[in-house]
Amino acid sequence: MIYTHAIAALIAAAIAATGAWQVQNWRFDARELERVQAQTEATQQAARTANTAAAAHEQDKTHAAQKTRVIRQIVEKIVERPVYAGICFDDDGLRALTTAIKPGDLASQPGDTVP
């Protein structure tokens, strides 16, 4: 009789251990699924950020190319004048140069000046 109870207790313990093991597997799988979903969302967000940055970069390149083209046309027009015998720039040339290099157009601002 004691052996019957002992066998029943062992079987119950085995069933309980199997059930506990299965529940732990479910919990682990749920955590792993959450981790994978979070990683996927982070990857997608990084891709969206990269696409936005790439589009902004292309727009900046286009703007810079157009500005360079206009400046070259102006400079070529100014350089063709016969006034450059003894000086580098006339008034129109200085005005074009000043307009081309005004501080607001720089991509990054310079640091502190060296004394």
PDB file of N, CA and C in Angstrom:
ATOM      1  N   MET A   1       0.804  -1.181   0.000  1.00  0.00           N
ATOM      2  CA  MET A   1       0.000   0.000   0.000  1.00  0.00           C
ATOM      3  C   MET A   1       0.863   1.268   0.000  1.00  0.00           C
ATOM      4  N   ILE A   2       1.921   1.232   0.786  1.00  0.00           N
ATOM      5  CA  ILE A   2       2.817   2.382   0.822  1.00  0.00           C
ATOM      6  C   ILE A   2       3.484   2.534  -0.543  1.00  0.00           C
ATOM      7  N   TYR A   3       3.816   1.416  -1.168  1.00  0.00           N
ATOM      8  CA  TYR A   3       4.442   1.478  -2.484  1.00  0.00           C
ATOM      9  C   TYR A   3       3.492   2.097  -3.507  1.00  0.00           C
ATOM     10  N   THR A   4       2.239   1.852  -3.390  1.00  0.00           N
ATOM     11  CA  THR A   4       1.248   2.399  -4.308  1.00  0.00           C
ATOM     12  C   THR A   4       1.185   3.916  -4.148  1.00  0.00           C
ATOM     13  N   HIS A   5       1.181   4.355  -2.894  1.00  0.00           N
ATOM     14  CA  HIS A   5       1.159   5.796  -2.641  1.00  0.00           C
ATOM     15  C   HIS A   5       2.458   6.456  -3.106  1.00  0.00           C
ATOM     16  N   ALA A   6       3.565   5.775  -2.904  1.00  0.00           N
ATOM     17  CA  ALA A   6       4.862   6.317  -3.318  1.00  0.00           C
ATOM     18  C   ALA A   6       4.921   6.421  -4.839  1.00  0.00           C
ATOM     19  N   ILE A   7       4.433   5.410  -5.533  1.00  0.00           N
ATOM     20  CA  ILE A   7       4.429   5.427  -6.997  1.00  0.00           C
ATOM     21  C   ILE A   7       3.506   6.528  -7.495  1.00  0.00           C
ATOM     22  N   ALA A   8       2.336   6.675  -6.877  1.00  0.00           N
ATOM     23  CA  ALA A   8       1.391   7.731  -7.257  1.00  0.00           C
ATOM     24  C   ALA A   8       2.019   9.111  -7.016  1.00  0.00           C
ATOM     25  N   ALA A   9       2.755   9.254  -5.906  1.00  0.00           N
ATOM     26  CA  ALA A   9       3.410  10.532  -5.605  1.00  0.00           C
ATOM     27  C   ALA A   9       4.509  10.820  -6.624  1.00  0.00           C
ATOM     28  N   LEU A  10       5.274   9.802  -7.015  1.00  0.00           N
ATOM     29  CA  LEU A  10       6.317   9.999  -8.021  1.00  0.00           C
ATOM     30  C   LEU A  10       5.732  10.377  -9.371  1.00  0.00           C
ATOM     31  N   ILE A  11       4.628   9.726  -9.721  1.00  0.00           N
ATOM     32  CA  ILE A  11       3.974  10.045 -10.999  1.00  0.00           C
ATOM     33  C   ILE A  11       3.438  11.477 -10.966  1.00  0.00           C
ATOM     34  N   ALA A  12       2.833  11.862  -9.842  1.00  0.00           N
ATOM     35  CA  ALA A  12       2.310  13.221  -9.698  1.00  0.00           C
ATOM     36  C   ALA A  12       3.448  14.240  -9.746  1.00  0.00           C
ATOM     37  N   ALA A  13       4.569  13.907  -9.099  1.00  0.00           N
ATOM     38  CA  ALA A  13       5.721  14.808  -9.122  1.00  0.00           C
ATOM     39  C   ALA A  13       6.271  14.943 -10.539  1.00  0.00           C
ATOM     40  N   ALA A  14       6.318  13.842 -11.277  1.00  0.00           N
ATOM     41  CA  ALA A  14       6.804  13.882 -12.653  1.00  0.00           C
ATOM     42  C   ALA A  14       5.887  14.725 -13.537  1.00  0.00           C
ATOM     43  N   ILE A  15       4.589  14.553 -13.342  1.00  0.00           N
ATOM     44  CA  ILE A  15       3.617  15.348 -14.122  1.00  0.00           C
ATOM     45  C   ILE A  15       3.752  16.826 -13.762  1.00  0.00           C
ATOM     46  N   ALA A  16       3.898  17.130 -12.470  1.00  0.00           N
ATOM     47  CA  ALA A  16       4.049  18.523 -12.025  1.00  0.00           C
ATOM     48  C   ALA A  16       5.344  19.127 -12.577  1.00  0.00           C
ATOM     49  N   ALA A  17       6.424  18.357 -12.559  1.00  0.00           N
ATOM     50  CA  ALA A  17       7.699  18.853 -13.080  1.00  0.00           C
ATOM     51  C   ALA A  17       7.598  19.109 -14.581  1.00  0.00           C
ATOM     52  N   THR A  18       6.940  18.216 -15.304  1.00  0.00           N
ATOM     53  CA  THR A  18       6.762  18.396 -16.745  1.00  0.00           C
ATOM     54  C   THR A  18       5.924  19.645 -17.020  1.00  0.00           C
ATOM     55  N   GLY A  19       4.861  19.828 -16.236  1.00  0.00           N
ATOM     56  CA  GLY A  19       4.010  21.014 -16.396  1.00  0.00           C
ATOM     57  C   GLY A  19       4.782  22.295 -16.099  1.00  0.00           C
ATOM     58  N   ALA A  20       5.568  22.279 -15.028  1.00  0.00           N
ATOM     59  CA  ALA A  20       6.368  23.457 -14.678  1.00  0.00           C
ATOM     60  C   ALA A  20       7.389  23.756 -15.775  1.00  0.00           C
ATOM     61  N   TRP A  21       8.004  22.709 -16.300  1.00  0.00           N
ATOM     62  CA  TRP A  21       8.971  22.873 -17.384  1.00  0.00           C
ATOM     63  C   TRP A  21       8.304  23.511 -18.605  1.00  0.00           C
ATOM     64  N   GLN A  22       7.114  23.039 -18.938  1.00  0.00           N
ATOM     65  CA  GLN A  22       6.382  23.573 -20.093  1.00  0.00           C
ATOM     66  C   GLN A  22       6.018  25.046 -19.872  1.00  0.00           C
ATOM     67  N   VAL A  23       5.583  25.397 -18.666  1.00  0.00           N
ATOM     68  CA  VAL A  23       5.235  26.787 -18.365  1.00  0.00           C
ATOM     69  C   VAL A  23       6.469  27.677 -18.485  1.00  0.00           C
ATOM     70  N   GLN A  24       7.612  27.206 -18.014  1.00  0.00           N
ATOM     71  CA  GLN A  24       8.846  27.981 -18.133  1.00  0.00           C
ATOM     72  C   GLN A  24       9.228  28.175 -19.609  1.00  0.00           C
ATOM     73  N   ASN A  25       9.013  27.141 -20.418  1.00  0.00           N
ATOM     74  CA  ASN A  25       9.275  27.275 -21.857  1.00  0.00           C
ATOM     75  C   ASN A  25       8.368  28.327 -22.480  1.00  0.00           C
ATOM     76  N   TRP A  26       7.105  28.343 -22.080  1.00  0.00           N
ATOM     77  CA  TRP A  26       6.181  29.344 -22.603  1.00  0.00           C
ATOM     78  C   TRP A  26       6.623  30.747 -22.203  1.00  0.00           C
ATOM     79  N   ARG A  27       7.043  30.926 -20.965  1.00  0.00           N
ATOM     80  CA  ARG A  27       7.500  32.239 -20.501  1.00  0.00           C
ATOM     81  C   ARG A  27       8.755  32.678 -21.266  1.00  0.00           C
ATOM     82  N   PHE A  28       9.682  31.747 -21.438  1.00  0.00           N
ATOM     83  CA  PHE A  28      10.901  32.071 -22.173  1.00  0.00           C
ATOM     84  C   PHE A  28      10.572  32.455 -23.612  1.00  0.00           C
ATOM     85  N   ASP A  29       9.691  31.682 -24.251  1.00  0.00           N
ATOM     86  CA  ASP A  29       9.308  31.970 -25.638  1.00  0.00           C
ATOM     87  C   ASP A  29       8.632  33.340 -25.742  1.00  0.00           C
ATOM     88  N   ALA A  30       7.795  33.693 -24.770  1.00  0.00           N
ATOM     89  CA  ALA A  30       7.131  34.991 -24.792  1.00  0.00           C
ATOM     90  C   ALA A  30       8.158  36.127 -24.668  1.00  0.00           C
ATOM     91  N   ARG A  31       9.123  35.971 -23.755  1.00  0.00           N
ATOM     92  CA  ARG A  31      10.164  36.990 -23.602  1.00  0.00           C
ATOM     93  C   ARG A  31      11.024  37.091 -24.867  1.00  0.00           C
ATOM     94  N   GLU A  32      11.344  35.956 -25.438  1.00  0.00           N
ATOM     95  CA  GLU A  32      12.155  35.939 -26.659  1.00  0.00           C
ATOM     96  C   GLU A  32      11.402  36.615 -27.812  1.00  0.00           C
ATOM     97  N   LEU A  33      10.100  36.362 -27.923  1.00  0.00           N
ATOM     98  CA  LEU A  33       9.284  36.995 -28.951  1.00  0.00           C
ATOM     99  C   LEU A  33       9.267  38.513 -28.763  1.00  0.00           C
ATOM    100  N   GLU A  34       9.119  38.984 -27.529  1.00  0.00           N
ATOM    101  CA  GLU A  34       9.141  40.422 -27.252  1.00  0.00           C
ATOM    102  C   GLU A  34      10.489  41.023 -27.634  1.00  0.00           C
ATOM    103  N   ARG A  35      11.570  40.318 -27.318  1.00  0.00           N
ATOM    104  CA  ARG A  35      12.896  40.812 -27.649  1.00  0.00           C
ATOM    105  C   ARG A  35      13.081  40.923 -29.160  1.00  0.00           C
ATOM    106  N   VAL A  36      12.640  39.915 -29.885  1.00  0.00           N
ATOM    107  CA  VAL A  36      12.780  39.917 -31.346  1.00  0.00           C
ATOM    108  C   VAL A  36      11.933  41.033 -31.954  1.00  0.00           C
ATOM    109  N   GLN A  37      10.723  41.228 -31.428  1.00  0.00           N
ATOM    110  CA  GLN A  37       9.872  42.304 -31.946  1.00  0.00           C
ATOM    111  C   GLN A  37      10.485  43.675 -31.667  1.00  0.00           C
ATOM    112  N   ALA A  38      11.050  43.856 -30.475  1.00  0.00           N
ATOM    113  CA  ALA A  38      11.695  45.133 -30.145  1.00  0.00           C
ATOM    114  C   ALA A  38      12.905  45.365 -31.040  1.00  0.00           C
ATOM    115  N   GLN A  39      13.676  44.318 -31.299  1.00  0.00           N
ATOM    116  CA  GLN A  39      14.847  44.446 -32.165  1.00  0.00           C
ATOM    117  C   GLN A  39      14.417  44.775 -33.597  1.00  0.00           C
ATOM    118  N   THR A  40      13.354  44.158 -34.065  1.00  0.00           N
ATOM    119  CA  THR A  40      12.846  44.425 -35.407  1.00  0.00           C
ATOM    120  C   THR A  40      12.380  45.872 -35.518  1.00  0.00           C
ATOM    121  N   GLU A  41      11.667  46.357 -34.505  1.00  0.00           N
ATOM    122  CA  GLU A  41      11.195  47.738 -34.496  1.00  0.00           C
ATOM    123  C   GLU A  41      12.386  48.713 -34.480  1.00  0.00           C
ATOM    124  N   ALA A  42      13.406  48.402 -33.700  1.00  0.00           N
ATOM    125  CA  ALA A  42      14.598  49.263 -33.651  1.00  0.00           C
ATOM    126  C   ALA A  42      15.302  49.281 -35.008  1.00  0.00           C
ATOM    127  N   THR A  43      15.384  48.144 -35.666  1.00  0.00           N
ATOM    128  CA  THR A  43      16.006  48.073 -36.991  1.00  0.00           C
ATOM    129  C   THR A  43      15.210  48.879 -38.009  1.00  0.00           C
ATOM    130  N   GLN A  44      13.894  48.773 -37.951  1.00  0.00           N
ATOM    131  CA  GLN A  44      13.050  49.529 -38.864  1.00  0.00           C
ATOM    132  C   GLN A  44      13.175  51.032 -38.612  1.00  0.00           C
ATOM    133  N   GLN A  45      13.240  51.428 -37.338  1.00  0.00           N
ATOM    134  CA  GLN A  45      13.397  52.842 -37.005  1.00  0.00           C
ATOM    135  C   GLN A  45      14.745  53.363 -37.510  1.00  0.00           C
ATOM    136  N   ALA A  46      15.783  52.563 -37.353  1.00  0.00           N
ATOM    137  CA  ALA A  46      17.106  52.966 -37.843  1.00  0.00           C
ATOM    138  C   ALA A  46      17.085  53.115 -39.364  1.00  0.00           C
ATOM    139  N   ALA A  47      16.389  52.236 -40.048  1.00  0.00           N
ATOM    140  CA  ALA A  47      16.290  52.325 -41.507  1.00  0.00           C
ATOM    141  C   ALA A  47      15.528  53.579 -41.920  1.00  0.00           C
ATOM    142  N   ARG A  48      14.444  53.898 -41.198  1.00  0.00           N
ATOM    143  CA  ARG A  48      13.687  55.116 -41.510  1.00  0.00           C
ATOM    144  C   ARG A  48      14.547  56.360 -41.284  1.00  0.00           C
ATOM    145  N   THR A  49      15.300  56.362 -40.200  1.00  0.00           N
ATOM    146  CA  THR A  49      16.178  57.498 -39.906  1.00  0.00           C
ATOM    147  C   THR A  49      17.252  57.634 -40.986  1.00  0.00           C
ATOM    148  N   ALA A  50      17.829  56.522 -41.397  1.00  0.00           N
ATOM    149  CA  ALA A  50      18.855  56.550 -42.443  1.00  0.00           C
ATOM    150  C   ALA A  50      18.273  57.045 -43.766  1.00  0.00           C
ATOM    151  N   ASN A  51      17.064  56.625 -44.098  1.00  0.00           N
ATOM    152  CA  ASN A  51      16.429  57.072 -45.339  1.00  0.00           C
ATOM    153  C   ASN A  51      16.152  58.572 -45.305  1.00  0.00           C
ATOM    154  N   THR A  52      15.696  59.061 -44.152  1.00  0.00           N
ATOM    155  CA  THR A  52      15.444  60.495 -44.017  1.00  0.00           C
ATOM    156  C   THR A  52      16.740  61.284 -44.149  1.00  0.00           C
ATOM    157  N   ALA A  53      17.792  60.799 -43.500  1.00  0.00           N
ATOM    158  CA  ALA A  53      19.086  61.481 -43.581  1.00  0.00           C
ATOM    159  C   ALA A  53      19.634  61.447 -45.005  1.00  0.00           C
ATOM    160  N   ALA A  54      19.470  60.329 -45.688  1.00  0.00           N
ATOM    161  CA  ALA A  54      19.962  60.220 -47.063  1.00  0.00           C
ATOM    162  C   ALA A  54      19.210  61.184 -47.985  1.00  0.00           C
ATOM    163  N   ALA A  55      17.903  61.295 -47.795  1.00  0.00           N
ATOM    164  CA  ALA A  55      17.119  62.218 -48.622  1.00  0.00           C
ATOM    165  C   ALA A  55      17.543  63.661 -48.366  1.00  0.00           C
ATOM    166  N   ALA A  56      17.763  64.006 -47.099  1.00  0.00           N
ATOM    167  CA  ALA A  56      18.211  65.364 -46.771  1.00  0.00           C
ATOM    168  C   ALA A  56      19.598  65.626 -47.354  1.00  0.00           C
ATOM    169  N   HIS A  57      20.470  64.627 -47.309  1.00  0.00           N
ATOM    170  CA  HIS A  57      21.815  64.777 -47.868  1.00  0.00           C
ATOM    171  C   HIS A  57      21.760  65.004 -49.380  1.00  0.00           C
ATOM    172  N   GLU A  58      20.931  64.245 -50.060  1.00  0.00           N
ATOM    173  CA  GLU A  58      20.801  64.414 -51.509  1.00  0.00           C
ATOM    174  C   GLU A  58      20.262  65.806 -51.846  1.00  0.00           C
ATOM    175  N   GLN A  59      19.316  66.282 -51.054  1.00  0.00           N
ATOM    176  CA  GLN A  59      18.764  67.620 -51.283  1.00  0.00           C
ATOM    177  C   GLN A  59      19.855  68.681 -51.059  1.00  0.00           C
ATOM    178  N   ASP A  60      20.666  68.508 -50.015  1.00  0.00           N
ATOM    179  CA  ASP A  60      21.763  69.442 -49.756  1.00  0.00           C
ATOM    180  C   ASP A  60      22.788  69.411 -50.886  1.00  0.00           C
ATOM    181  N   LYS A  61      23.083  68.214 -51.408  1.00  0.00           N
ATOM    182  CA  LYS A  61      24.038  68.109 -52.518  1.00  0.00           C
ATOM    183  C   LYS A  61      23.507  68.827 -53.750  1.00  0.00           C
ATOM    184  N   THR A  62      22.216  68.678 -54.021  1.00  0.00           N
ATOM    185  CA  THR A  62      21.612  69.332 -55.177  1.00  0.00           C
ATOM    186  C   THR A  62      21.675  70.848 -55.015  1.00  0.00           C
ATOM    187  N   HIS A  63      21.348  71.314 -53.814  1.00  0.00           N
ATOM    188  CA  HIS A  63      21.391  72.752 -53.543  1.00  0.00           C
ATOM    189  C   HIS A  63      22.816  73.286 -53.697  1.00  0.00           C
ATOM    190  N   ALA A  64      23.786  72.576 -53.169  1.00  0.00           N
ATOM    191  CA  ALA A  64      25.187  73.003 -53.266  1.00  0.00           C
ATOM    192  C   ALA A  64      25.653  73.021 -54.719  1.00  0.00           C
ATOM    193  N   ALA A  65      25.244  72.027 -55.499  1.00  0.00           N
ATOM    194  CA  ALA A  65      25.652  71.972 -56.907  1.00  0.00           C
ATOM    195  C   ALA A  65      25.059  73.151 -57.679  1.00  0.00           C
ATOM    196  N   GLN A  66      23.802  73.481 -57.407  1.00  0.00           N
ATOM    197  CA  GLN A  66      23.181  74.613 -58.082  1.00  0.00           C
ATOM    198  C   GLN A  66      23.874  75.918 -57.701  1.00  0.00           C
ATOM    199  N   LYS A  67      24.193  76.068 -56.417  1.00  0.00           N
ATOM    200  CA  LYS A  67      24.853  77.286 -55.954  1.00  0.00           C
ATOM    201  C   LYS A  67      26.246  77.410 -56.573  1.00  0.00           C
ATOM    202  N   THR A  68      26.964  76.296 -56.646  1.00  0.00           N
ATOM    203  CA  THR A  68      28.295  76.307 -57.253  1.00  0.00           C
ATOM    204  C   THR A  68      28.223  76.689 -58.721  1.00  0.00           C
ATOM    205  N   ARG A  69      27.214  76.162 -59.411  1.00  0.00           N
ATOM    206  CA  ARG A  69      27.050  76.472 -60.828  1.00  0.00           C
ATOM    207  C   ARG A  69      26.801  77.968 -61.023  1.00  0.00           C
ATOM    208  N   VAL A  70      25.943  78.566 -60.192  1.00  0.00           N
ATOM    209  CA  VAL A  70      25.637  79.993 -60.304  1.00  0.00           C
ATOM    210  C   VAL A  70      26.880  80.826 -59.994  1.00  0.00           C
ATOM    211  N   ILE A  71      27.619  80.459 -58.941  1.00  0.00           N
ATOM    212  CA  ILE A  71      28.826  81.205 -58.581  1.00  0.00           C
ATOM    213  C   ILE A  71      29.852  81.122 -59.700  1.00  0.00           C
ATOM    214  N   ARG A  72      30.015  79.962 -60.308  1.00  0.00           N
ATOM    215  CA  ARG A  72      30.979  79.830 -61.412  1.00  0.00           C
ATOM    216  C   ARG A  72      30.590  80.718 -62.581  1.00  0.00           C
ATOM    217  N   GLN A  73      29.300  80.788 -62.887  1.00  0.00           N
ATOM    218  CA  GLN A  73      28.847  81.631 -63.986  1.00  0.00           C
ATOM    219  C   GLN A  73      29.141  83.101 -63.689  1.00  0.00           C
ATOM    220  N   ILE A  74      28.879  83.514 -62.441  1.00  0.00           N
ATOM    221  CA  ILE A  74      29.128  84.904 -62.073  1.00  0.00           C
ATOM    222  C   ILE A  74      30.624  85.207 -62.138  1.00  0.00           C
ATOM    223  N   VAL A  75      31.434  84.304 -61.581  1.00  0.00           N
ATOM    224  CA  VAL A  75      32.884  84.524 -61.574  1.00  0.00           C
ATOM    225  C   VAL A  75      33.436  84.550 -62.996  1.00  0.00           C
ATOM    226  N   GLU A  76      32.983  83.663 -63.862  1.00  0.00           N
ATOM    227  CA  GLU A  76      33.459  83.672 -65.239  1.00  0.00           C
ATOM    228  C   GLU A  76      33.089  84.984 -65.930  1.00  0.00           C
ATOM    229  N   LYS A  77      31.906  85.485 -65.624  1.00  0.00           N
ATOM    230  CA  LYS A  77      31.471  86.736 -66.221  1.00  0.00           C
ATOM    231  C   LYS A  77      32.334  87.893 -65.720  1.00  0.00           C
ATOM    232  N   ILE A  78      32.695  87.869 -64.436  1.00  0.00           N
ATOM    233  CA  ILE A  78      33.502  88.947 -63.864  1.00  0.00           C
ATOM    234  C   ILE A  78      34.954  88.851 -64.343  1.00  0.00           C
ATOM    235  N   VAL A  79      35.480  87.631 -64.418  1.00  0.00           N
ATOM    236  CA  VAL A  79      36.882  87.451 -64.799  1.00  0.00           C
ATOM    237  C   VAL A  79      37.125  87.840 -66.252  1.00  0.00           C
ATOM    238  N   GLU A  80      36.133  87.770 -67.099  1.00  0.00           N
ATOM    239  CA  GLU A  80      36.298  88.117 -68.504  1.00  0.00           C
ATOM    240  C   GLU A  80      36.484  89.612 -68.721  1.00  0.00           C
ATOM    241  N   ARG A  81      36.235  90.427 -67.721  1.00  0.00           N
ATOM    242  CA  ARG A  81      36.395  91.879 -67.868  1.00  0.00           C
ATOM    243  C   ARG A  81      37.884  92.238 -67.966  1.00  0.00           C
ATOM    244  N   PRO A  82      38.212  93.294 -68.704  1.00  0.00           N
ATOM    245  CA  PRO A  82      39.623  93.675 -68.878  1.00  0.00           C
ATOM    246  C   PRO A  82      40.178  94.509 -67.720  1.00  0.00           C
ATOM    247  N   VAL A  83      39.467  94.642 -66.618  1.00  0.00           N
ATOM    248  CA  VAL A  83      39.873  95.520 -65.534  1.00  0.00           C
ATOM    249  C   VAL A  83      40.976  94.919 -64.666  1.00  0.00           C
ATOM    250  N   TYR A  84      41.308  93.667 -64.876  1.00  0.00           N
ATOM    251  CA  TYR A  84      42.253  92.965 -64.001  1.00  0.00           C
ATOM    252  C   TYR A  84      43.717  93.199 -64.385  1.00  0.00           C
ATOM    253  N   ALA A  85      44.074  94.386 -64.663  1.00  0.00           N
ATOM    254  CA  ALA A  85      45.465  94.674 -65.027  1.00  0.00           C
ATOM    255  C   ALA A  85      46.347  94.728 -63.787  1.00  0.00           C
ATOM    256  N   GLY A  86      45.940  95.451 -62.743  1.00  0.00           N
ATOM    257  CA  GLY A  86      46.792  95.598 -61.580  1.00  0.00           C
ATOM    258  C   GLY A  86      46.122  95.192 -60.277  1.00  0.00           C
ATOM    259  N   ILE A  87      44.824  94.895 -60.289  1.00  0.00           N
ATOM    260  CA  ILE A  87      44.121  94.512 -59.067  1.00  0.00           C
ATOM    261  C   ILE A  87      43.450  93.164 -59.272  1.00  0.00           C
ATOM    262  N   CYS A  88      43.119  92.524 -58.179  1.00  0.00           N
ATOM    263  CA  CYS A  88      42.522  91.189 -58.284  1.00  0.00           C
ATOM    264  C   CYS A  88      41.022  91.239 -58.533  1.00  0.00           C
ATOM    265  N   PHE A  89      40.319  92.094 -57.791  1.00  0.00           N
ATOM    266  CA  PHE A  89      38.869  92.154 -57.927  1.00  0.00           C
ATOM    267  C   PHE A  89      38.411  93.599 -58.052  1.00  0.00           C
ATOM    268  N   ASP A  90      37.411  93.826 -58.895  1.00  0.00           N
ATOM    269  CA  ASP A  90      36.765  95.123 -58.912  1.00  0.00           C
ATOM    270  C   ASP A  90      35.592  95.081 -57.930  1.00  0.00           C
ATOM    271  N   ASP A  91      34.767  96.112 -57.906  1.00  0.00           N
ATOM    272  CA  ASP A  91      33.663  96.173 -56.937  1.00  0.00           C
ATOM    273  C   ASP A  91      32.669  95.033 -57.126  1.00  0.00           C
ATOM    274  N   ASP A  92      32.337  94.726 -58.386  1.00  0.00           N
ATOM    275  CA  ASP A  92      31.402  93.625 -58.639  1.00  0.00           C
ATOM    276  C   ASP A  92      31.992  92.291 -58.194  1.00  0.00           C
ATOM    277  N   GLY A  93      33.275  92.111 -58.403  1.00  0.00           N
ATOM    278  CA  GLY A  93      33.931  90.870 -57.992  1.00  0.00           C
ATOM    279  C   GLY A  93      33.942  90.716 -56.485  1.00  0.00           C
ATOM    280  N   LEU A  94      34.246  91.800 -55.768  1.00  0.00           N
ATOM    281  CA  LEU A  94      34.224  91.742 -54.311  1.00  0.00           C
ATOM    282  C   LEU A  94      32.821  91.475 -53.779  1.00  0.00           C
ATOM    283  N   ARG A  95      31.826  92.100 -54.403  1.00  0.00           N
ATOM    284  CA  ARG A  95      30.437  91.871 -53.984  1.00  0.00           C
ATOM    285  C   ARG A  95      30.042  90.400 -54.196  1.00  0.00           C
ATOM    286  N   ALA A  96      30.410  89.828 -55.317  1.00  0.00           N
ATOM    287  CA  ALA A  96      30.098  88.425 -55.601  1.00  0.00           C
ATOM    288  C   ALA A  96      30.818  87.502 -54.634  1.00  0.00           C
ATOM    289  N   LEU A  97      32.071  87.826 -54.338  1.00  0.00           N
ATOM    290  CA  LEU A  97      32.837  87.015 -53.393  1.00  0.00           C
ATOM    291  C   LEU A  97      32.234  87.087 -51.994  1.00  0.00           C
ATOM    292  N   THR A  98      31.875  88.265 -51.555  1.00  0.00           N
ATOM    293  CA  THR A  98      31.270  88.438 -50.230  1.00  0.00           C
ATOM    294  C   THR A  98      29.937  87.707 -50.144  1.00  0.00           C
ATOM    295  N   THR A  99      29.158  87.779 -51.193  1.00  0.00           N
ATOM    296  CA  THR A  99      27.864  87.081 -51.204  1.00  0.00           C
ATOM    297  C   THR A  99      28.061  85.571 -51.165  1.00  0.00           C
ATOM    298  N   ALA A 100      29.085  85.094 -51.853  1.00  0.00           N
ATOM    299  CA  ALA A 100      29.305  83.651 -51.933  1.00  0.00           C
ATOM    300  C   ALA A 100      29.787  83.060 -50.616  1.00  0.00           C
ATOM    301  N   ILE A 101      30.517  83.841 -49.823  1.00  0.00           N
ATOM    302  CA  ILE A 101      31.098  83.261 -48.609  1.00  0.00           C
ATOM    303  C   ILE A 101      30.541  83.874 -47.337  1.00  0.00           C
ATOM    304  N   LYS A 102      29.306  84.316 -47.353  1.00  0.00           N
ATOM    305  CA  LYS A 102      28.740  84.859 -46.120  1.00  0.00           C
ATOM    306  C   LYS A 102      28.582  83.733 -45.099  1.00  0.00           C
ATOM    307  N   PRO A 103      28.727  84.022 -43.803  1.00  0.00           N
ATOM    308  CA  PRO A 103      28.780  82.993 -42.759  1.00  0.00           C
ATOM    309  C   PRO A 103      27.522  82.141 -42.650  1.00  0.00           C
ATOM    310  N   GLY A 104      26.374  82.636 -43.016  1.00  0.00           N
ATOM    311  CA  GLY A 104      25.141  81.860 -42.887  1.00  0.00           C
ATOM    312  C   GLY A 104      25.080  80.671 -43.826  1.00  0.00           C
ATOM    313  N   ASP A 105      25.900  80.657 -44.866  1.00  0.00           N
ATOM    314  CA  ASP A 105      25.847  79.581 -45.849  1.00  0.00           C
ATOM    315  C   ASP A 105      26.738  78.404 -45.475  1.00  0.00           C
ATOM    316  N   LEU A 106      27.567  78.533 -44.454  1.00  0.00           N
ATOM    317  CA  LEU A 106      28.489  77.455 -44.107  1.00  0.00           C
ATOM    318  C   LEU A 106      27.729  76.304 -43.477  1.00  0.00           C
ATOM    319  N   ALA A 107      28.150  75.079 -43.776  1.00  0.00           N
ATOM    320  CA  ALA A 107      27.498  73.907 -43.213  1.00  0.00           C
ATOM    321  C   ALA A 107      27.778  73.792 -41.727  1.00  0.00           C
ATOM    322  N   SER A 108      28.963  74.156 -41.320  1.00  0.00           N
ATOM    323  CA  SER A 108      29.293  74.140 -39.889  1.00  0.00           C
ATOM    324  C   SER A 108      29.959  75.456 -39.551  1.00  0.00           C
ATOM    325  N   GLN A 109      29.727  75.911 -38.355  1.00  0.00           N
ATOM    326  CA  GLN A 109      30.310  77.173 -37.925  1.00  0.00           C
ATOM    327  C   GLN A 109      31.729  76.926 -37.427  1.00  0.00           C
ATOM    328  N   PRO A 110      32.642  77.874 -37.660  1.00  0.00           N
ATOM    329  CA  PRO A 110      34.013  77.683 -37.194  1.00  0.00           C
ATOM    330  C   PRO A 110      34.077  77.786 -35.671  1.00  0.00           C
ATOM    331  N   GLY A 111      35.106  77.197 -35.098  1.00  0.00           N
ATOM    332  CA  GLY A 111      35.297  77.246 -33.660  1.00  0.00           C
ATOM    333  C   GLY A 111      35.893  78.579 -33.246  1.00  0.00           C
ATOM    334  N   ASP A 112      36.372  78.646 -32.012  1.00  0.00           N
ATOM    335  CA  ASP A 112      36.982  79.870 -31.518  1.00  0.00           C
ATOM    336  C   ASP A 112      38.256  80.176 -32.305  1.00  0.00           C
ATOM    337  N   THR A 113      38.520  81.467 -32.472  1.00  0.00           N
ATOM    338  CA  THR A 113      39.711  81.854 -33.212  1.00  0.00           C
ATOM    339  C   THR A 113      40.938  81.737 -32.306  1.00  0.00           C
ATOM    340  N   VAL A 114      42.062  81.507 -32.922  1.00  0.00           N
ATOM    341  CA  VAL A 114      43.312  81.403 -32.191  1.00  0.00           C
ATOM    342  C   VAL A 114      43.827  82.815 -31.942  1.00  0.00           C
ATOM    343  N   PRO A 115      44.223  83.162 -30.706  1.00  0.00           N
ATOM    344  CA  PRO A 115      44.702  84.534 -30.432  1.00  0.00           C
ATOM    345  C   PRO A 115      46.032  84.796 -31.108  1.00  0.00           C
TER     346      PRO A 115
END
